[in-house]
Amino acid sequence: MTTIRFFAAARAAVGADTLTTAAGTLDEALREVTATDPSRWSALLERCSYLVDGVTTRDRSTELSGVGVVDVMPPFAGG
């Protein structure tokens, strides 16, 4: 199982800090998310970076087999 952690605007759009998934890829995991603000979440998906066990990626086809944590990182002001 992989824990997905949401930060800043992603946390606000999803309405949760974390979720756990058994999805095979990052894209599959992100499609499982039931956001409290679906339009905001949809817009953020294209702009977020993802840390997969600490390694930055934007490739949503990244395999999650053996991955412990994915951080969903929206763009931050000033950095």
PDB file of N, CA and C in Angstrom:
ATOM      1  N   MET A   1       0.839  -1.180   0.000  1.00  0.00           N
ATOM      2  CA  MET A   1       0.000   0.000   0.000  1.00  0.00           C
ATOM      3  C   MET A   1       0.886   1.246   0.000  1.00  0.00           C
ATOM      4  N   THR A   2       0.414   2.255  -0.692  1.00  0.00           N
ATOM      5  CA  THR A   2       1.124   3.528  -0.797  1.00  0.00           C
ATOM      6  C   THR A   2       0.286   4.616  -0.137  1.00  0.00           C
ATOM      7  N   THR A   3       0.931   5.447   0.657  1.00  0.00           N
ATOM      8  CA  THR A   3       0.263   6.603   1.261  1.00  0.00           C
ATOM      9  C   THR A   3       0.511   7.809   0.370  1.00  0.00           C
ATOM     10  N   ILE A   4      -0.558   8.503   0.034  1.00  0.00           N
ATOM     11  CA  ILE A   4      -0.442   9.739  -0.739  1.00  0.00           C
ATOM     12  C   ILE A   4      -0.738  10.889   0.214  1.00  0.00           C
ATOM     13  N   ARG A   5       0.211  11.839   0.273  1.00  0.00           N
ATOM     14  CA  ARG A   5       0.054  13.010   1.138  1.00  0.00           C
ATOM     15  C   ARG A   5      -0.176  14.236   0.268  1.00  0.00           C
ATOM     16  N   PHE A   6      -1.148  15.044   0.663  1.00  0.00           N
ATOM     17  CA  PHE A   6      -1.516  16.241  -0.085  1.00  0.00           C
ATOM     18  C   PHE A   6      -1.069  17.478   0.681  1.00  0.00           C
ATOM     19  N   PHE A   7      -0.518  18.451  -0.045  1.00  0.00           N
ATOM     20  CA  PHE A   7      -0.014  19.672   0.573  1.00  0.00           C
ATOM     21  C   PHE A   7      -0.686  20.900  -0.018  1.00  0.00           C
ATOM     22  N   ALA A   8      -0.817  21.929   0.801  1.00  0.00           N
ATOM     23  CA  ALA A   8      -1.287  23.267   0.408  1.00  0.00           C
ATOM     24  C   ALA A   8      -2.591  23.193  -0.383  1.00  0.00           C
ATOM     25  N   ALA A   9      -2.608  23.744  -1.599  1.00  0.00           N
ATOM     26  CA  ALA A   9      -3.832  23.812  -2.409  1.00  0.00           C
ATOM     27  C   ALA A   9      -4.376  22.424  -2.735  1.00  0.00           C
ATOM     28  N   ALA A  10      -3.502  21.444  -2.873  1.00  0.00           N
ATOM     29  CA  ALA A  10      -3.963  20.078  -3.146  1.00  0.00           C
ATOM     30  C   ALA A  10      -4.752  19.545  -1.951  1.00  0.00           C
ATOM     31  N   ARG A  11      -4.270  19.816  -0.746  1.00  0.00           N
ATOM     32  CA  ARG A  11      -4.984  19.389   0.460  1.00  0.00           C
ATOM     33  C   ARG A  11      -6.354  20.069   0.524  1.00  0.00           C
ATOM     34  N   ALA A  12      -6.395  21.352   0.194  1.00  0.00           N
ATOM     35  CA  ALA A  12      -7.661  22.085   0.219  1.00  0.00           C
ATOM     36  C   ALA A  12      -8.642  21.533  -0.813  1.00  0.00           C
ATOM     37  N   ALA A  13      -8.158  21.222  -1.993  1.00  0.00           N
ATOM     38  CA  ALA A  13      -9.038  20.713  -3.058  1.00  0.00           C
ATOM     39  C   ALA A  13      -9.549  19.314  -2.752  1.00  0.00           C
ATOM     40  N   VAL A  14      -8.687  18.478  -2.188  1.00  0.00           N
ATOM     41  CA  VAL A  14      -9.065  17.098  -1.893  1.00  0.00           C
ATOM     42  C   VAL A  14      -9.893  17.021  -0.611  1.00  0.00           C
ATOM     43  N   GLY A  15      -9.569  17.870   0.353  1.00  0.00           N
ATOM     44  CA  GLY A  15     -10.292  17.843   1.612  1.00  0.00           C
ATOM     45  C   GLY A  15      -9.755  16.805   2.584  1.00  0.00           C
ATOM     46  N   ALA A  16      -8.520  16.364   2.354  1.00  0.00           N
ATOM     47  CA  ALA A  16      -7.892  15.372   3.236  1.00  0.00           C
ATOM     48  C   ALA A  16      -6.384  15.557   3.209  1.00  0.00           C
ATOM     49  N   ASP A  17      -5.742  15.119   4.271  1.00  0.00           N
ATOM     50  CA  ASP A  17      -4.285  15.176   4.333  1.00  0.00           C
ATOM     51  C   ASP A  17      -3.644  14.009   3.592  1.00  0.00           C
ATOM     52  N   THR A  18      -4.264  12.829   3.701  1.00  0.00           N
ATOM     53  CA  THR A  18      -3.678  11.618   3.114  1.00  0.00           C
ATOM     54  C   THR A  18      -4.768  10.678   2.607  1.00  0.00           C
ATOM     55  N   LEU A  19      -4.336   9.747   1.783  1.00  0.00           N
ATOM     56  CA  LEU A  19      -5.141   8.590   1.424  1.00  0.00           C
ATOM     57  C   LEU A  19      -4.192   7.439   1.172  1.00  0.00           C
ATOM     58  N   THR A  20      -4.706   6.236   1.276  1.00  0.00           N
ATOM     59  CA  THR A  20      -3.912   5.041   1.040  1.00  0.00           C
ATOM     60  C   THR A  20      -4.459   4.351  -0.194  1.00  0.00           C
ATOM     61  N   THR A  21      -3.538   3.835  -1.031  1.00  0.00           N
ATOM     62  CA  THR A  21      -3.949   3.220  -2.279  1.00  0.00           C
ATOM     63  C   THR A  21      -3.130   1.975  -2.577  1.00  0.00           C
ATOM     64  N   ALA A  22      -3.721   1.094  -3.348  1.00  0.00           N
ATOM     65  CA  ALA A  22      -3.026  -0.076  -3.865  1.00  0.00           C
ATOM     66  C   ALA A  22      -2.895   0.038  -5.381  1.00  0.00           C
ATOM     67  N   ALA A  23      -3.088   1.240  -5.919  1.00  0.00           N
ATOM     68  CA  ALA A  23      -3.026   1.462  -7.367  1.00  0.00           C
ATOM     69  C   ALA A  23      -1.645   1.094  -7.907  1.00  0.00           C
ATOM     70  N   GLY A  24      -1.609   0.715  -9.178  1.00  0.00           N
ATOM     71  CA  GLY A  24      -0.361   0.301  -9.809  1.00  0.00           C
ATOM     72  C   GLY A  24       0.504   1.453 -10.282  1.00  0.00           C
ATOM     73  N   THR A  25      -0.133   2.574 -10.657  1.00  0.00           N
ATOM     74  CA  THR A  25       0.625   3.733 -11.139  1.00  0.00           C
ATOM     75  C   THR A  25       0.157   4.991 -10.416  1.00  0.00           C
ATOM     76  N   LEU A  26       0.968   6.011 -10.521  1.00  0.00           N
ATOM     77  CA  LEU A  26       0.604   7.291  -9.931  1.00  0.00           C
ATOM     78  C   LEU A  26      -0.691   7.812 -10.546  1.00  0.00           C
ATOM     79  N   ASP A  27      -0.832   7.708 -11.846  1.00  0.00           N
ATOM     80  CA  ASP A  27      -2.043   8.185 -12.508  1.00  0.00           C
ATOM     81  C   ASP A  27      -3.279   7.457 -11.989  1.00  0.00           C
ATOM     82  N   GLU A  28      -3.197   6.147 -11.847  1.00  0.00           N
ATOM     83  CA  GLU A  28      -4.332   5.385 -11.322  1.00  0.00           C
ATOM     84  C   GLU A  28      -4.686   5.843  -9.909  1.00  0.00           C
ATOM     85  N   ALA A  29      -3.664   6.079  -9.101  1.00  0.00           N
ATOM     86  CA  ALA A  29      -3.892   6.534  -7.730  1.00  0.00           C
ATOM     87  C   ALA A  29      -4.571   7.890  -7.711  1.00  0.00           C
ATOM     88  N   LEU A  30      -4.112   8.796  -8.558  1.00  0.00           N
ATOM     89  CA  LEU A  30      -4.692  10.140  -8.594  1.00  0.00           C
ATOM     90  C   LEU A  30      -6.129  10.117  -9.096  1.00  0.00           C
ATOM     91  N   ARG A  31      -6.453   9.184  -9.984  1.00  0.00           N
ATOM     92  CA  ARG A  31      -7.829   9.063 -10.466  1.00  0.00           C
ATOM     93  C   ARG A  31      -8.764   8.496  -9.407  1.00  0.00           C
ATOM     94  N   GLU A  32      -8.217   7.846  -8.382  1.00  0.00           N
ATOM     95  CA  GLU A  32      -9.033   7.324  -7.280  1.00  0.00           C
ATOM     96  C   GLU A  32      -9.497   8.410  -6.317  1.00  0.00           C
ATOM     97  N   VAL A  33      -8.852   9.569  -6.369  1.00  0.00           N
ATOM     98  CA  VAL A  33      -9.136  10.633  -5.410  1.00  0.00           C
ATOM     99  C   VAL A  33     -10.546  11.187  -5.621  1.00  0.00           C
ATOM    100  N   THR A  34     -11.300  11.234  -4.552  1.00  0.00           N
ATOM    101  CA  THR A  34     -12.610  11.872  -4.564  1.00  0.00           C
ATOM    102  C   THR A  34     -12.453  13.211  -3.857  1.00  0.00           C
ATOM    103  N   ALA A  35     -12.301  14.269  -4.634  1.00  0.00           N
ATOM    104  CA  ALA A  35     -12.027  15.597  -4.090  1.00  0.00           C
ATOM    105  C   ALA A  35     -13.297  16.287  -3.636  1.00  0.00           C
ATOM    106  N   THR A  36     -13.156  17.134  -2.614  1.00  0.00           N
ATOM    107  CA  THR A  36     -14.294  17.947  -2.177  1.00  0.00           C
ATOM    108  C   THR A  36     -14.516  19.114  -3.131  1.00  0.00           C
ATOM    109  N   ASP A  37     -13.484  19.484  -3.893  1.00  0.00           N
ATOM    110  CA  ASP A  37     -13.573  20.536  -4.911  1.00  0.00           C
ATOM    111  C   ASP A  37     -13.007  19.970  -6.220  1.00  0.00           C
ATOM    112  N   PRO A  38     -13.813  19.179  -6.938  1.00  0.00           N
ATOM    113  CA  PRO A  38     -13.324  18.463  -8.113  1.00  0.00           C
ATOM    114  C   PRO A  38     -12.749  19.358  -9.214  1.00  0.00           C
ATOM    115  N   SER A  39     -13.327  20.522  -9.459  1.00  0.00           N
ATOM    116  CA  SER A  39     -12.803  21.378 -10.528  1.00  0.00           C
ATOM    117  C   SER A  39     -11.429  21.931 -10.152  1.00  0.00           C
ATOM    118  N   ARG A  40     -11.260  22.289  -8.903  1.00  0.00           N
ATOM    119  CA  ARG A  40      -9.945  22.779  -8.443  1.00  0.00           C
ATOM    120  C   ARG A  40      -8.913  21.651  -8.498  1.00  0.00           C
ATOM    121  N   TRP A  41      -9.291  20.464  -8.057  1.00  0.00           N
ATOM    122  CA  TRP A  41      -8.400  19.309  -8.081  1.00  0.00           C
ATOM    123  C   TRP A  41      -7.979  18.983  -9.506  1.00  0.00           C
ATOM    124  N   SER A  42      -8.921  18.988 -10.415  1.00  0.00           N
ATOM    125  CA  SER A  42      -8.631  18.707 -11.825  1.00  0.00           C
ATOM    126  C   SER A  42      -7.626  19.707 -12.393  1.00  0.00           C
ATOM    127  N   ALA A  43      -7.807  20.972 -12.089  1.00  0.00           N
ATOM    128  CA  ALA A  43      -6.889  22.006 -12.574  1.00  0.00           C
ATOM    129  C   ALA A  43      -5.497  21.849 -11.962  1.00  0.00           C
ATOM    130  N   LEU A  44      -5.424  21.448 -10.709  1.00  0.00           N
ATOM    131  CA  LEU A  44      -4.133  21.289 -10.033  1.00  0.00           C
ATOM    132  C   LEU A  44      -3.325  20.106 -10.561  1.00  0.00           C
ATOM    133  N   LEU A  45      -3.995  19.052 -10.968  1.00  0.00           N
ATOM    134  CA  LEU A  45      -3.287  17.844 -11.403  1.00  0.00           C
ATOM    135  C   LEU A  45      -2.229  18.121 -12.472  1.00  0.00           C
ATOM    136  N   GLU A  46      -2.524  19.016 -13.370  1.00  0.00           N
ATOM    137  CA  GLU A  46      -1.586  19.316 -14.464  1.00  0.00           C
ATOM    138  C   GLU A  46      -0.419  20.182 -14.012  1.00  0.00           C
ATOM    139  N   ARG A  47      -0.530  20.800 -12.846  1.00  0.00           N
ATOM    140  CA  ARG A  47       0.508  21.726 -12.390  1.00  0.00           C
ATOM    141  C   ARG A  47       1.337  21.185 -11.238  1.00  0.00           C
ATOM    142  N   CYS A  48       0.923  20.078 -10.659  1.00  0.00           N
ATOM    143  CA  CYS A  48       1.620  19.536  -9.488  1.00  0.00           C
ATOM    144  C   CYS A  48       2.898  18.789  -9.871  1.00  0.00           C
ATOM    145  N   SER A  49       3.796  18.772  -8.908  1.00  0.00           N
ATOM    146  CA  SER A  49       4.945  17.875  -8.933  1.00  0.00           C
ATOM    147  C   SER A  49       4.653  16.781  -7.919  1.00  0.00           C
ATOM    148  N   TYR A  50       5.310  15.657  -8.082  1.00  0.00           N
ATOM    149  CA  TYR A  50       5.085  14.527  -7.195  1.00  0.00           C
ATOM    150  C   TYR A  50       6.422  14.025  -6.682  1.00  0.00           C
ATOM    151  N   LEU A  51       6.500  13.778  -5.389  1.00  0.00           N
ATOM    152  CA  LEU A  51       7.676  13.155  -4.797  1.00  0.00           C
ATOM    153  C   LEU A  51       7.312  11.708  -4.516  1.00  0.00           C
ATOM    154  N   VAL A  52       7.975  10.807  -5.213  1.00  0.00           N
ATOM    155  CA  VAL A  52       7.718   9.377  -5.070  1.00  0.00           C
ATOM    156  C   VAL A  52       8.870   8.800  -4.255  1.00  0.00           C
ATOM    157  N   ASP A  53       8.594   8.506  -2.999  1.00  0.00           N
ATOM    158  CA  ASP A  53       9.645   8.121  -2.046  1.00  0.00           C
ATOM    159  C   ASP A  53      10.821   9.084  -2.118  1.00  0.00           C
ATOM    160  N   GLY A  54      10.505  10.385  -2.175  1.00  0.00           N
ATOM    161  CA  GLY A  54      11.514  11.439  -2.123  1.00  0.00           C
ATOM    162  C   GLY A  54      12.123  11.838  -3.452  1.00  0.00           C
ATOM    163  N   VAL A  55      11.726  11.190  -4.548  1.00  0.00           N
ATOM    164  CA  VAL A  55      12.268  11.500  -5.875  1.00  0.00           C
ATOM    165  C   VAL A  55      11.213  12.268  -6.671  1.00  0.00           C
ATOM    166  N   THR A  56      11.588  13.460  -7.147  1.00  0.00           N
ATOM    167  CA  THR A  56      10.653  14.310  -7.881  1.00  0.00           C
ATOM    168  C   THR A  56      10.336  13.731  -9.249  1.00  0.00           C
ATOM    169  N   THR A  57       9.046  13.778  -9.614  1.00  0.00           N
ATOM    170  CA  THR A  57       8.615  13.371 -10.947  1.00  0.00           C
ATOM    171  C   THR A  57       7.369  14.155 -11.332  1.00  0.00           C
ATOM    172  N   ARG A  58       7.146  14.258 -12.614  1.00  0.00           N
ATOM    173  CA  ARG A  58       5.874  14.754 -13.159  1.00  0.00           C
ATOM    174  C   ARG A  58       5.235  13.668 -14.020  1.00  0.00           C
ATOM    175  N   ASP A  59       5.926  12.525 -14.130  1.00  0.00           N
ATOM    176  CA  ASP A  59       5.476  11.400 -14.945  1.00  0.00           C
ATOM    177  C   ASP A  59       4.440  10.589 -14.177  1.00  0.00           C
ATOM    178  N   ARG A  60       3.190  10.759 -14.553  1.00  0.00           N
ATOM    179  CA  ARG A  60       2.122  10.094 -13.820  1.00  0.00           C
ATOM    180  C   ARG A  60       1.999   8.617 -14.175  1.00  0.00           C
ATOM    181  N   SER A  61       2.813   8.141 -15.121  1.00  0.00           N
ATOM    182  CA  SER A  61       2.825   6.700 -15.403  1.00  0.00           C
ATOM    183  C   SER A  61       3.811   5.966 -14.484  1.00  0.00           C
ATOM    184  N   THR A  62       4.403   6.679 -13.535  1.00  0.00           N
ATOM    185  CA  THR A  62       5.346   6.092 -12.586  1.00  0.00           C
ATOM    186  C   THR A  62       4.694   4.942 -11.818  1.00  0.00           C
ATOM    187  N   GLU A  63       5.372   3.812 -11.779  1.00  0.00           N
ATOM    188  CA  GLU A  63       4.884   2.636 -11.064  1.00  0.00           C
ATOM    189  C   GLU A  63       4.970   2.862  -9.559  1.00  0.00           C
ATOM    190  N   LEU A  64       3.979   2.391  -8.835  1.00  0.00           N
ATOM    191  CA  LEU A  64       3.942   2.553  -7.390  1.00  0.00           C
ATOM    192  C   LEU A  64       4.249   1.265  -6.632  1.00  0.00           C
ATOM    193  N   SER A  65       4.566   0.201  -7.335  1.00  0.00           N
ATOM    194  CA  SER A  65       4.909  -1.051  -6.677  1.00  0.00           C
ATOM    195  C   SER A  65       6.113  -0.833  -5.765  1.00  0.00           C
ATOM    196  N   GLY A  66       5.958  -1.121  -4.488  1.00  0.00           N
ATOM    197  CA  GLY A  66       7.034  -0.963  -3.524  1.00  0.00           C
ATOM    198  C   GLY A  66       7.236   0.453  -3.019  1.00  0.00           C
ATOM    199  N   VAL A  67       6.411   1.395  -3.472  1.00  0.00           N
ATOM    200  CA  VAL A  67       6.526   2.794  -3.049  1.00  0.00           C
ATOM    201  C   VAL A  67       5.751   2.984  -1.755  1.00  0.00           C
ATOM    202  N   GLY A  68       6.390   3.637  -0.788  1.00  0.00           N
ATOM    203  CA  GLY A  68       5.744   3.875   0.497  1.00  0.00           C
ATOM    204  C   GLY A  68       4.946   5.152   0.553  1.00  0.00           C
ATOM    205  N   VAL A  69       5.513   6.248  -0.011  1.00  0.00           N
ATOM    206  CA  VAL A  69       4.878   7.562   0.124  1.00  0.00           C
ATOM    207  C   VAL A  69       4.993   8.349  -1.176  1.00  0.00           C
ATOM    208  N   VAL A  70       3.891   8.980  -1.551  1.00  0.00           N
ATOM    209  CA  VAL A  70       3.861   9.943  -2.655  1.00  0.00           C
ATOM    210  C   VAL A  70       3.374  11.262  -2.073  1.00  0.00           C
ATOM    211  N   ASP A  71       4.131  12.323  -2.303  1.00  0.00           N
ATOM    212  CA  ASP A  71       3.722  13.660  -1.896  1.00  0.00           C
ATOM    213  C   ASP A  71       3.220  14.416  -3.110  1.00  0.00           C
ATOM    214  N   VAL A  72       2.038  14.998  -3.015  1.00  0.00           N
ATOM    215  CA  VAL A  72       1.456  15.796  -4.086  1.00  0.00           C
ATOM    216  C   VAL A  72       1.757  17.255  -3.761  1.00  0.00           C
ATOM    217  N   MET A  73       2.600  17.866  -4.599  1.00  0.00           N
ATOM    218  CA  MET A  73       3.120  19.206  -4.341  1.00  0.00           C
ATOM    219  C   MET A  73       2.631  20.197  -5.403  1.00  0.00           C
ATOM    220  N   PRO A  74       1.630  21.019  -5.068  1.00  0.00           N
ATOM    221  CA  PRO A  74       1.198  22.044  -6.018  1.00  0.00           C
ATOM    222  C   PRO A  74       2.233  23.152  -6.081  1.00  0.00           C
ATOM    223  N   PRO A  75       2.145  24.022  -7.082  1.00  0.00           N
ATOM    224  CA  PRO A  75       3.069  25.154  -7.130  1.00  0.00           C
ATOM    225  C   PRO A  75       2.897  26.023  -5.886  1.00  0.00           C
ATOM    226  N   PHE A  76       4.005  26.495  -5.358  1.00  0.00           N
ATOM    227  CA  PHE A  76       3.989  27.353  -4.185  1.00  0.00           C
ATOM    228  C   PHE A  76       4.408  28.755  -4.582  1.00  0.00           C
ATOM    229  N   ALA A  77       3.837  29.764  -3.974  1.00  0.00           N
ATOM    230  CA  ALA A  77       4.230  31.140  -4.234  1.00  0.00           C
ATOM    231  C   ALA A  77       5.672  31.347  -3.769  1.00  0.00           C
ATOM    232  N   GLY A  78       6.460  31.953  -4.620  1.00  0.00           N
ATOM    233  CA  GLY A  78       7.833  32.280  -4.258  1.00  0.00           C
ATOM    234  C   GLY A  78       8.804  31.126  -4.359  1.00  0.00           C
ATOM    235  N   GLY A  79       8.397  30.002  -4.967  1.00  0.00           N
ATOM    236  CA  GLY A  79       9.372  28.927  -5.044  1.00  0.00           C
ATOM    237  C   GLY A  79       8.931  27.726  -5.771  1.00  0.00           C
TER     238      GLY A  79
END
